[in-house]
Protein backbone atom coordinates (compact mmCIF):
# COMPACT_ATOMS: atom_id res chain seq x y z
CA UNK A 1 -33.73 1.66 37.36
CA UNK A 2 -31.28 -1.04 38.84
CA UNK A 3 -32.43 -4.26 39.75
CA UNK A 4 -29.42 -5.15 42.31
CA UNK A 5 -28.16 -8.15 39.89
CA UNK A 6 -25.98 -6.18 37.83
CA UNK A 7 -28.67 -5.01 35.67
CA UNK A 8 -29.36 -1.37 34.49
CA UNK A 9 -32.71 -0.23 32.56
CA UNK A 10 -33.79 2.89 31.13
CA UNK A 11 -37.65 3.35 30.30
CA UNK A 12 -38.36 6.94 29.38
CA UNK A 13 -39.38 8.99 26.46
CA UNK A 14 -35.54 10.29 25.97
CA UNK A 15 -32.31 9.47 27.23
CA UNK A 16 -29.64 12.57 26.84
CA UNK A 17 -25.97 11.83 27.45
CA UNK A 18 -23.97 15.50 27.44
CA UNK A 19 -19.85 14.21 27.87
CA UNK A 20 -16.91 16.23 28.09
CA UNK A 21 -14.16 13.26 27.93
CA UNK A 22 -13.18 10.43 26.71
CA UNK A 23 -16.09 7.82 27.29
CA UNK A 24 -16.64 3.86 26.34
CA UNK A 25 -19.08 1.38 26.54
CA UNK A 26 -17.49 -2.33 26.63
CA UNK A 27 -19.07 -5.40 26.98
CA UNK A 28 -16.85 -8.09 28.61
CA UNK A 29 -18.26 -11.13 27.05
CA UNK A 30 -18.05 -14.64 28.64
CA UNK A 31 -19.99 -16.30 26.30
CA UNK A 32 -21.72 -16.70 22.82
CA UNK A 33 -24.58 -14.03 22.39
CA UNK A 34 -23.53 -11.71 24.58
CA UNK A 35 -24.08 -8.71 21.90
CA UNK A 36 -24.53 -5.09 22.23
CA UNK A 37 -27.74 -3.98 20.67
CA UNK A 38 -28.40 -0.15 18.96
CA UNK A 39 -31.89 -0.55 17.45
CA UNK A 40 -34.48 1.71 16.31
CA UNK A 41 -37.85 0.07 16.31
CA UNK A 42 -41.21 1.27 14.56
CA UNK A 43 -41.68 1.53 10.93
CA UNK A 44 -41.50 5.63 11.02
CA UNK A 45 -39.27 7.36 9.50
CA UNK A 46 -36.51 7.67 11.76
CA UNK A 47 -33.06 6.93 11.95
CA UNK A 48 -30.37 5.74 13.63
CA UNK A 49 -27.06 8.62 13.39
CA UNK A 50 -23.81 8.54 14.51
CA UNK A 51 -21.80 11.98 13.34
CA UNK A 52 -18.10 13.25 14.24
CA UNK A 53 -16.75 16.55 13.76
CA UNK A 54 -12.99 14.84 14.53
CA UNK A 55 -10.55 16.11 11.94
CA UNK A 56 -8.38 12.81 11.75
CA UNK A 57 -8.69 9.97 9.35
CA UNK A 58 -10.36 7.46 11.70
CA UNK A 59 -12.76 10.22 12.91
CA UNK A 60 -15.60 7.15 12.77
CA UNK A 61 -14.00 4.40 13.14
CA UNK A 62 -15.44 0.94 12.94
CA UNK A 63 -13.68 -2.58 12.89
CA UNK A 64 -13.94 -6.30 13.70
CA UNK A 65 -10.75 -7.77 14.64
CA UNK A 66 -11.17 -11.14 14.78
CA UNK A 67 -14.70 -11.79 12.85
CA UNK A 68 -16.46 -11.24 9.95
CA UNK A 69 -18.52 -7.85 9.35
CA UNK A 70 -21.75 -7.86 7.77
CA UNK A 71 -23.31 -4.07 6.47
CA UNK A 72 -26.68 -4.46 4.69
CA UNK A 73 -27.35 -7.87 5.47
CA UNK A 74 -31.01 -7.52 5.74
CA UNK A 75 -31.29 -4.49 3.66
CA UNK A 76 -34.87 -4.78 1.95
CA UNK A 77 -35.94 -4.92 -1.75
CA UNK A 78 -36.32 -1.27 -3.30
CA UNK A 79 -33.64 -0.08 -0.74
CA UNK A 80 -30.23 1.29 -0.81
CA UNK A 81 -27.14 0.89 0.48
CA UNK A 82 -24.67 4.07 -0.05
CA UNK A 83 -20.78 4.61 0.48
CA UNK A 84 -19.84 7.93 -0.12
CA UNK A 85 -20.55 11.86 -1.09
CA UNK A 86 -24.05 11.83 -2.70
CA UNK A 87 -23.60 13.10 -6.54
CA UNK A 88 -19.72 13.20 -5.71
CA UNK A 89 -18.09 9.67 -5.57
CA UNK A 90 -20.42 6.76 -4.43
CA UNK A 91 -20.91 3.08 -4.11
CA UNK A 92 -24.53 2.13 -4.25
CA UNK A 93 -26.37 -1.17 -3.62
CA UNK A 94 -29.40 -1.91 -5.01
CA UNK A 95 -30.91 -4.98 -3.90
CA UNK A 96 -34.38 -5.90 -5.53
CA UNK A 97 -37.17 -8.40 -5.55
CA UNK A 98 -36.75 -8.61 -9.64
CA UNK A 99 -33.59 -10.19 -10.76
CA UNK A 100 -32.57 -7.69 -13.52
CA UNK A 101 -33.35 -4.36 -11.24
CA UNK A 102 -30.46 -5.84 -8.76
CA UNK A 103 -27.51 -3.66 -9.37
CA UNK A 104 -24.28 -2.34 -8.03
CA UNK A 105 -22.69 0.78 -9.06
CA UNK A 106 -19.69 2.21 -8.80
CA UNK A 107 -20.14 6.49 -9.71
CA UNK A 108 -17.82 9.04 -10.07
CA UNK A 109 -20.04 11.96 -10.80
CA UNK A 110 -17.65 14.70 -11.06
CA UNK A 111 -14.02 13.37 -10.96
CA UNK A 112 -12.55 15.08 -14.56
CA UNK A 113 -9.23 13.19 -14.15
CA UNK A 114 -8.17 10.50 -16.54
CA UNK A 115 -7.90 8.09 -13.09
CA UNK A 116 -11.36 8.90 -12.14
CA UNK A 117 -12.11 5.65 -11.21
CA UNK A 118 -8.76 3.64 -10.68
CA UNK A 119 -8.56 -0.24 -9.99
CA UNK A 120 -5.36 -1.59 -9.46
CA UNK A 121 -3.87 -4.85 -8.29
CA UNK A 122 -0.29 -4.73 -7.40
CA UNK A 123 0.31 -8.38 -7.27
CA UNK A 124 -1.85 -10.16 -8.68
CA UNK A 125 -4.74 -10.05 -11.20
CA UNK A 126 -8.11 -8.47 -12.12
CA UNK A 127 -10.91 -10.80 -12.82
CA UNK A 128 -13.94 -9.79 -14.50
CA UNK A 129 -16.55 -12.00 -15.34
CA UNK A 130 -20.13 -11.75 -16.56
CA UNK A 131 -22.90 -14.30 -17.84
CA UNK A 132 -24.17 -11.50 -19.86
CA UNK A 133 -22.37 -8.90 -21.96
CA UNK A 134 -19.49 -6.36 -20.74
CA UNK A 135 -20.00 -2.79 -21.94
CA UNK A 136 -17.33 -0.48 -22.28
CA UNK A 137 -18.03 2.95 -23.22
CA UNK A 138 -16.28 6.16 -23.55
CA UNK A 139 -17.49 9.50 -24.23
CA UNK A 140 -14.22 10.11 -26.19
CA UNK A 141 -11.34 8.73 -28.21
CA UNK A 142 -10.00 5.85 -25.89
CA UNK A 143 -6.90 3.50 -25.31
CA UNK A 144 -6.29 0.25 -24.17
CA UNK A 145 -2.67 -0.34 -23.05
CA UNK A 146 -0.38 -1.61 -20.72
CA UNK A 147 2.99 -0.01 -19.57
CA UNK A 148 4.32 -3.83 -19.91
CA UNK A 149 3.16 -7.24 -20.36
CA UNK A 150 0.07 -8.03 -22.66
CA UNK A 151 -3.57 -6.98 -22.44
CA UNK A 152 -5.95 -10.12 -23.07
CA UNK A 153 -9.69 -10.40 -24.10
CA UNK A 154 -11.31 -13.52 -24.38
CA UNK A 155 -14.56 -14.81 -23.78
CA UNK A 156 -16.22 -18.12 -23.19
CA UNK A 157 -19.10 -17.69 -25.85
CA UNK A 158 -19.17 -15.26 -29.22
CA UNK A 159 -18.20 -11.90 -28.41
CA UNK A 160 -17.91 -8.51 -30.70
CA UNK A 161 -15.83 -5.91 -29.97
CA UNK A 162 -17.73 -2.70 -31.41
CA UNK A 163 -18.76 1.43 -31.45
CA UNK A 164 -22.26 2.57 -31.83
CA UNK A 165 -20.28 5.68 -33.45
CA UNK A 166 -17.02 6.22 -34.35
CA UNK A 167 -14.38 4.29 -35.07
CA UNK A 168 -12.27 1.41 -33.32
CA UNK A 169 -8.85 1.51 -32.85
CA UNK A 170 -6.35 -1.05 -31.82
CA UNK A 171 -2.88 -0.09 -30.37
CA UNK A 172 0.20 -1.69 -29.84
CA UNK A 173 3.46 -0.53 -29.36
CA UNK A 174 5.39 -3.65 -31.23
CA UNK A 175 2.54 -4.68 -33.46
CA UNK A 176 -1.25 -6.35 -33.13
CA UNK A 177 -1.65 -10.08 -32.74
CA UNK A 178 -5.30 -11.58 -33.19
CA UNK A 179 -5.68 -15.15 -31.66
CA UNK A 180 -8.46 -17.62 -32.23
CA UNK A 181 -7.51 -20.06 -28.79
CA UNK A 182 -3.56 -20.51 -29.11
CA UNK A 183 -3.57 -20.26 -32.65
CA UNK A 184 -2.49 -17.06 -34.64
CA UNK A 185 -4.59 -15.76 -36.90
CA UNK A 186 -3.29 -12.65 -38.20
CA UNK A 187 -0.33 -10.40 -36.98
CA UNK A 188 0.71 -7.23 -37.99
CA UNK A 189 3.69 -5.70 -36.61
CA UNK A 190 4.60 -2.01 -35.88
CA UNK A 191 5.52 -1.32 -39.63
CA UNK A 192 1.61 -2.06 -40.64
CA UNK A 193 2.88 -5.35 -42.27
CA UNK A 194 1.59 -8.49 -42.15
CA UNK A 195 3.59 -10.81 -41.20
CA UNK A 196 2.27 -14.43 -40.29
CA UNK A 197 -1.00 -15.81 -40.77
CA UNK A 198 -1.13 -19.10 -39.19
CA UNK A 199 -4.05 -20.80 -41.58
CA UNK A 200 -4.11 -22.36 -44.67
CA UNK A 201 -6.08 -19.71 -46.32
CA UNK A 202 -7.08 -16.01 -45.88
CA UNK A 203 -10.03 -14.81 -47.86
CA UNK A 204 -10.91 -11.07 -48.49
CA UNK A 205 -14.69 -10.88 -49.40
CA UNK A 206 -16.97 -8.29 -49.46
CA UNK A 207 -20.48 -7.45 -51.41
CA UNK A 208 -19.54 -4.27 -53.41
CA UNK A 209 -16.04 -2.90 -54.83
CA UNK A 210 -13.07 -4.29 -52.65
CA UNK A 211 -9.62 -1.79 -53.37
CA UNK A 212 -6.07 -2.16 -53.06
CA UNK A 213 -4.34 1.19 -53.30
CA UNK A 214 -1.14 3.16 -52.82
CA UNK A 215 -1.11 6.40 -52.62
CA UNK A 216 2.63 6.58 -53.69
CA UNK A 217 4.16 3.53 -53.51
CA UNK A 218 4.31 -0.10 -55.57
CA UNK A 219 1.39 -2.71 -55.10
CA UNK A 220 3.24 -6.03 -54.93
CA UNK A 221 1.68 -9.59 -55.43
CA UNK A 222 3.66 -12.46 -54.90
CA UNK A 223 6.72 -10.75 -54.41
CA UNK A 224 8.92 -13.27 -52.55
CA UNK A 225 11.34 -15.72 -53.43
CA UNK A 226 8.76 -18.48 -53.51
CA UNK A 227 7.45 -20.37 -56.73
CA UNK A 228 3.92 -19.77 -56.63
CA UNK A 229 0.76 -19.85 -59.13
CA UNK A 230 -1.40 -16.73 -58.90
CA UNK A 231 -5.07 -17.08 -60.18
CA UNK A 232 -6.98 -13.97 -61.11
CA UNK A 233 -10.69 -15.22 -62.58
CA UNK A 234 -10.32 -18.58 -62.50
CA UNK A 235 -13.88 -19.20 -60.64
CA UNK A 236 -16.23 -18.15 -63.79
CA UNK A 237 -16.34 -15.01 -66.16
CA UNK A 238 -14.26 -12.07 -64.66
CA UNK A 239 -13.16 -8.78 -66.24
CA UNK A 240 -9.54 -7.65 -65.62
CA UNK A 241 -8.21 -4.17 -65.94
CA UNK A 242 -5.09 -2.31 -65.92
CA UNK A 243 -4.33 1.03 -66.03
CA UNK A 244 -7.98 1.91 -67.06
CA UNK A 245 -8.68 4.13 -64.29
């Protein structure tokens, strides 16, 4: 119904438009709050569906050229916002009234490539910050590698690197460096030599047997040019056996 003042109102059970050429709906805004609203009202299992059979890279194109874009801003607790193909590659947002159940997931279900999920910063850094624990879980042997530069892992609180099963491996092309703050605690070069410690004392302790073994070489203790004392068994009675095995 056209009311003669520039307004066109539709009040019908259904509205179908079958167009065969390029079409557009344009609102020329002259002031604030001149909005285009497409809404489905009524708490029923009904949907707003936008589909395209176009084959171009912009088959469906949604853009904001001046302001911000909000998607899922009022998504109800317990519902999900999903981007991507279900059971393939998808990003899922799950708001919830209980904080422990609010989750965001980036999932690749079917991909088997080594870079199935790829996060890259070509010029800047990548910052991962968590108030709780950060868990890195790989089903097979995995490496943390850098093609150049250094890989630094820090924690504001006490942190533990471990594996639930299997071994924990640290790989470095020129060695492994362990630090506490800016102080070097232990450095191992790529020949597996402990080449420096930045502490006054190094303690190796265990509750059971402690073994130092060499399959074919010589075991050296104090083999350098520095005059030093070597003390064995000075804190209580000790038994020292050489060549008894």
